[in-house]
Amino acid sequence: MFFLLINFINFYCVVPVNKDVVITASNDKNYYITVFDENVRMLKIKGGVFNENDPNVCKIISKNKKFMFKFGMKYLYKPPKSTTLEAKDLEEDDVGFSFDIVEVEDGFLIKSSDGNCLTVSNLLSMTEGHIIDGTKCEEKLEQIFAITLLCFSEPGFTLQEFLGIKKQKSTSDFDKTPRKSNHDLI
C-alpha cells in the first residue's frame, strides 16, 4: 500500500496538472504537438519562445483518474472508430477525451481510452507537420513524449531553485560600478 502511495505521489509530481506545458518528441525537443482548428500535428518549431495563446501550449487536466489535454479552447480527442487524433470542443461524458499518461524510461506514453498510444505518424509536409495516430502501444520512439512545464515570466527564486536554475554571475563591469543618484547627475 505504501509503495502505491509513493508511486501516486511521484506520478503527480512529475506530470504538471493545470499548468502550461508543451508536449514534445522525447528525442527532439524542436518537435511539438500543435493544434490548429481540429487538426493535431507534430510540428517542428525552432526558438522555443511561447506565450499562453500559442497552439502548442497545453494544460493537462486531471479528471476521474484520467487526463484531458486542452490546447486553447480545444481538447485532444481520439474517436473510438478512428486512428487519427483530433481537437474538439469538450463533451463531458465522451471517453474519447480521456487519456492515461504512463511514465517510461525516456518520457511518457499517452494512451487513449481504447488502449492505443499516441504515435507520431506520416509527414504531410514541412509546414503541416506529422499526423498523430492512435496505434498499439509498443514503447517505440514515435510514441514517447516529453512534457515540459513552461514559465511565461522569469520564475521567482524559489521556483528557480526548484527547477535547478542557477543564478547567472555577471561578467559586466557595469554591475560593479557604483550607482549615482539623480541628484548627482544634474
Protein backbone atom coordinates (compact mmCIF):
# COMPACT_ATOMS: atom_id res chain seq x y z
CA MET A 1 0.00 0.00 0.00
CA PHE A 2 2.82 2.39 0.91
CA PHE A 3 4.51 1.62 -2.42
CA LEU A 4 1.32 2.53 -4.32
CA LEU A 5 1.06 5.81 -2.40
CA ILE A 6 4.67 6.72 -3.26
CA ASN A 7 4.07 5.92 -6.95
CA PHE A 8 0.87 8.01 -6.94
CA ILE A 9 2.66 10.99 -5.34
CA ASN A 10 5.67 10.63 -7.65
CA PHE A 11 3.46 10.50 -10.75
CA TYR A 12 1.52 13.62 -9.83
CA CYS A 13 4.77 15.44 -9.06
CA VAL A 14 6.16 14.51 -12.49
CA VAL A 15 3.11 15.42 -14.60
CA PRO A 16 2.28 19.12 -14.20
CA VAL A 17 -1.52 19.24 -13.89
CA ASN A 18 -3.37 22.53 -14.58
CA LYS A 19 -0.13 24.22 -15.63
CA ASP A 20 1.04 25.48 -19.00
CA VAL A 21 3.15 22.80 -20.69
CA VAL A 22 4.45 21.83 -24.09
CA ILE A 23 4.48 18.26 -25.31
CA THR A 24 7.45 17.40 -27.49
CA ALA A 25 9.00 14.36 -29.09
CA SER A 26 11.27 12.83 -26.46
CA ASN A 27 14.19 12.53 -28.87
CA ASP A 28 13.92 16.02 -30.44
CA LYS A 29 12.57 18.90 -28.36
CA ASN A 30 12.06 21.01 -31.53
CA TYR A 31 9.01 18.90 -32.47
CA TYR A 32 5.83 19.96 -30.64
CA ILE A 33 2.26 18.74 -30.55
CA THR A 34 0.26 21.63 -32.00
CA VAL A 35 -3.43 22.24 -32.61
CA PHE A 36 -4.84 24.30 -35.50
CA ASP A 37 -8.63 24.21 -35.81
CA GLU A 38 -9.40 20.49 -35.43
CA ASN A 39 -6.02 19.28 -36.69
CA VAL A 40 -3.50 17.83 -34.24
CA ARG A 41 0.03 17.63 -35.59
CA MET A 42 3.63 17.13 -34.51
CA LEU A 43 5.36 20.17 -35.97
CA LYS A 44 8.96 21.35 -35.93
CA ILE A 45 9.17 24.77 -34.27
CA LYS A 46 12.50 26.47 -33.69
CA GLY A 47 13.11 29.01 -30.99
CA GLY A 48 11.22 27.67 -28.01
CA VAL A 49 9.64 31.02 -27.05
CA PHE A 50 5.96 30.69 -26.23
CA ASN A 51 3.04 32.67 -24.94
CA GLU A 52 -0.15 31.38 -23.36
CA ASN A 53 -2.12 31.56 -26.63
CA ASP A 54 0.27 29.54 -28.77
CA PRO A 55 -1.31 26.49 -30.41
CA ASN A 56 1.38 24.27 -28.89
CA VAL A 57 0.79 25.30 -25.25
CA CYS A 58 -1.31 22.76 -23.38
CA LYS A 59 -2.95 22.35 -19.99
CA ILE A 60 -3.22 18.80 -18.68
CA ILE A 61 -6.42 18.44 -16.68
CA SER A 62 -6.98 15.56 -14.26
CA LYS A 63 -10.47 14.10 -14.04
CA ASN A 64 -11.56 10.74 -12.59
CA LYS A 65 -8.00 9.31 -12.61
CA LYS A 66 -7.69 10.17 -16.31
CA PHE A 67 -6.25 13.17 -18.13
CA MET A 68 -7.55 15.62 -20.71
CA PHE A 69 -5.28 17.77 -22.87
CA LYS A 70 -6.53 21.30 -23.50
CA PHE A 71 -4.93 23.38 -26.28
CA GLY A 72 -6.53 26.85 -26.26
CA MET A 73 -10.28 26.16 -26.30
CA LYS A 74 -9.97 22.69 -27.89
CA TYR A 75 -9.30 19.30 -26.30
CA LEU A 76 -7.45 16.32 -27.74
CA TYR A 77 -9.94 13.72 -28.89
CA LYS A 78 -9.40 10.15 -30.10
CA PRO A 79 -12.57 8.94 -31.87
CA PRO A 80 -13.45 5.35 -30.92
CA LYS A 81 -13.56 4.07 -34.52
CA SER A 82 -10.71 6.13 -35.97
CA THR A 83 -6.97 6.11 -35.51
CA THR A 84 -6.40 9.83 -36.18
CA LEU A 85 -6.29 12.23 -33.25
CA GLU A 86 -8.47 15.37 -33.43
CA ALA A 87 -9.06 18.57 -31.46
CA LYS A 88 -12.67 19.31 -30.50
CA ASP A 89 -14.84 21.21 -28.07
CA LEU A 90 -15.21 19.22 -24.86
CA GLU A 91 -18.16 16.84 -24.49
CA GLU A 92 -18.14 15.88 -20.79
CA ASP A 93 -19.23 12.23 -21.00
CA ASP A 94 -17.35 11.21 -24.14
CA VAL A 95 -14.47 8.86 -23.22
CA GLY A 96 -12.60 9.90 -26.38
CA PHE A 97 -11.34 12.94 -24.43
CA SER A 98 -9.82 10.77 -21.64
CA PHE A 99 -6.22 9.61 -21.69
CA ASP A 100 -3.75 7.83 -19.43
CA ILE A 101 -0.19 9.05 -19.06
CA VAL A 102 2.35 6.29 -18.46
CA GLU A 103 5.89 7.17 -17.45
CA VAL A 104 8.60 5.21 -19.26
CA GLU A 105 12.38 5.50 -19.20
CA ASP A 106 12.70 8.26 -21.82
CA GLY A 107 9.45 10.17 -21.24
CA PHE A 108 5.74 9.40 -21.34
CA LEU A 109 3.31 7.27 -23.31
CA ILE A 110 -0.11 8.86 -23.81
CA LYS A 111 -2.79 6.16 -24.02
CA SER A 112 -6.28 6.79 -25.36
CA SER A 113 -9.39 5.27 -23.77
CA ASP A 114 -9.26 2.36 -26.24
CA GLY A 115 -5.76 1.41 -25.03
CA ASN A 116 -3.84 2.69 -28.05
CA CYS A 117 -0.86 5.01 -27.71
CA LEU A 118 -0.50 8.34 -29.46
CA THR A 119 2.02 7.82 -32.24
CA VAL A 120 3.78 10.34 -34.48
CA SER A 121 2.93 9.12 -37.98
CA ASN A 122 3.10 10.31 -41.60
CA LEU A 123 4.69 13.64 -42.52
CA LEU A 124 2.18 15.65 -44.56
CA SER A 125 4.61 18.49 -45.35
CA MET A 126 7.19 20.58 -43.50
CA THR A 127 4.58 23.27 -42.85
CA GLU A 128 1.72 20.92 -41.87
CA GLY A 129 3.81 18.51 -39.80
CA HIS A 130 3.20 14.88 -38.87
CA ILE A 131 -0.20 13.28 -38.28
CA ILE A 132 -0.67 11.83 -34.78
CA ASP A 133 -2.47 8.48 -34.71
CA GLY A 134 -3.53 6.04 -32.03
CA THR A 135 -1.75 2.71 -32.56
CA LYS A 136 -0.88 -0.37 -30.50
CA CYS A 137 1.44 0.55 -27.61
CA GLU A 138 4.97 -0.74 -28.25
CA GLU A 139 7.08 1.91 -26.45
CA LYS A 140 8.73 2.80 -29.73
CA LEU A 141 10.37 6.19 -30.20
CA GLU A 142 7.39 7.62 -32.11
CA GLN A 143 5.20 7.00 -29.04
CA ILE A 144 7.37 8.57 -26.33
CA PHE A 145 6.79 12.22 -25.48
CA ALA A 146 8.36 14.77 -23.14
CA ILE A 147 6.09 17.04 -21.10
CA THR A 148 7.76 20.32 -20.16
CA LEU A 149 6.47 22.92 -17.72
CA LEU A 150 6.50 26.50 -19.04
CA CYS A 151 7.02 29.76 -17.17
CA PHE A 152 5.92 32.85 -19.09
CA SER A 153 7.78 35.26 -16.85
CA GLU A 154 11.08 34.95 -15.08
CA PRO A 155 10.47 32.49 -12.26
CA GLY A 156 10.96 33.64 -8.68
CA PHE A 157 13.94 32.46 -6.65
CA THR A 158 12.07 29.55 -5.05
CA LEU A 159 10.88 28.22 -8.41
CA GLN A 160 14.33 28.79 -9.92
CA GLU A 161 15.87 26.79 -7.12
CA PHE A 162 13.24 24.02 -7.51
CA LEU A 163 13.85 23.81 -11.26
CA GLY A 164 17.63 23.77 -10.73
CA ILE A 165 18.23 27.11 -12.46
CA LYS A 166 21.49 28.60 -11.26
CA LYS A 167 21.71 32.36 -10.92
CA GLN A 168 23.98 33.78 -13.59
CA LYS A 169 27.03 35.67 -12.38
CA SER A 170 27.51 38.92 -14.18
CA THR A 171 30.73 39.45 -16.08
CA SER A 172 29.92 43.06 -16.85
CA ASP A 173 31.84 45.96 -15.27
CA PHE A 174 28.55 47.87 -15.30
CA ASP A 175 27.27 45.78 -12.37
CA LYS A 176 30.38 46.65 -10.30
CA THR A 177 30.22 50.40 -10.92
CA PRO A 178 28.70 52.39 -8.03
CA ARG A 179 25.37 53.93 -8.96
CA LYS A 180 24.84 57.69 -8.91
CA SER A 181 21.62 59.23 -7.76
CA ASN A 182 19.55 61.51 -9.97
CA HIS A 183 20.77 64.45 -7.86
CA ASP A 184 24.42 63.65 -8.66
CA LEU A 185 23.67 63.56 -12.37
CA ILE A 186 22.16 67.09 -12.52
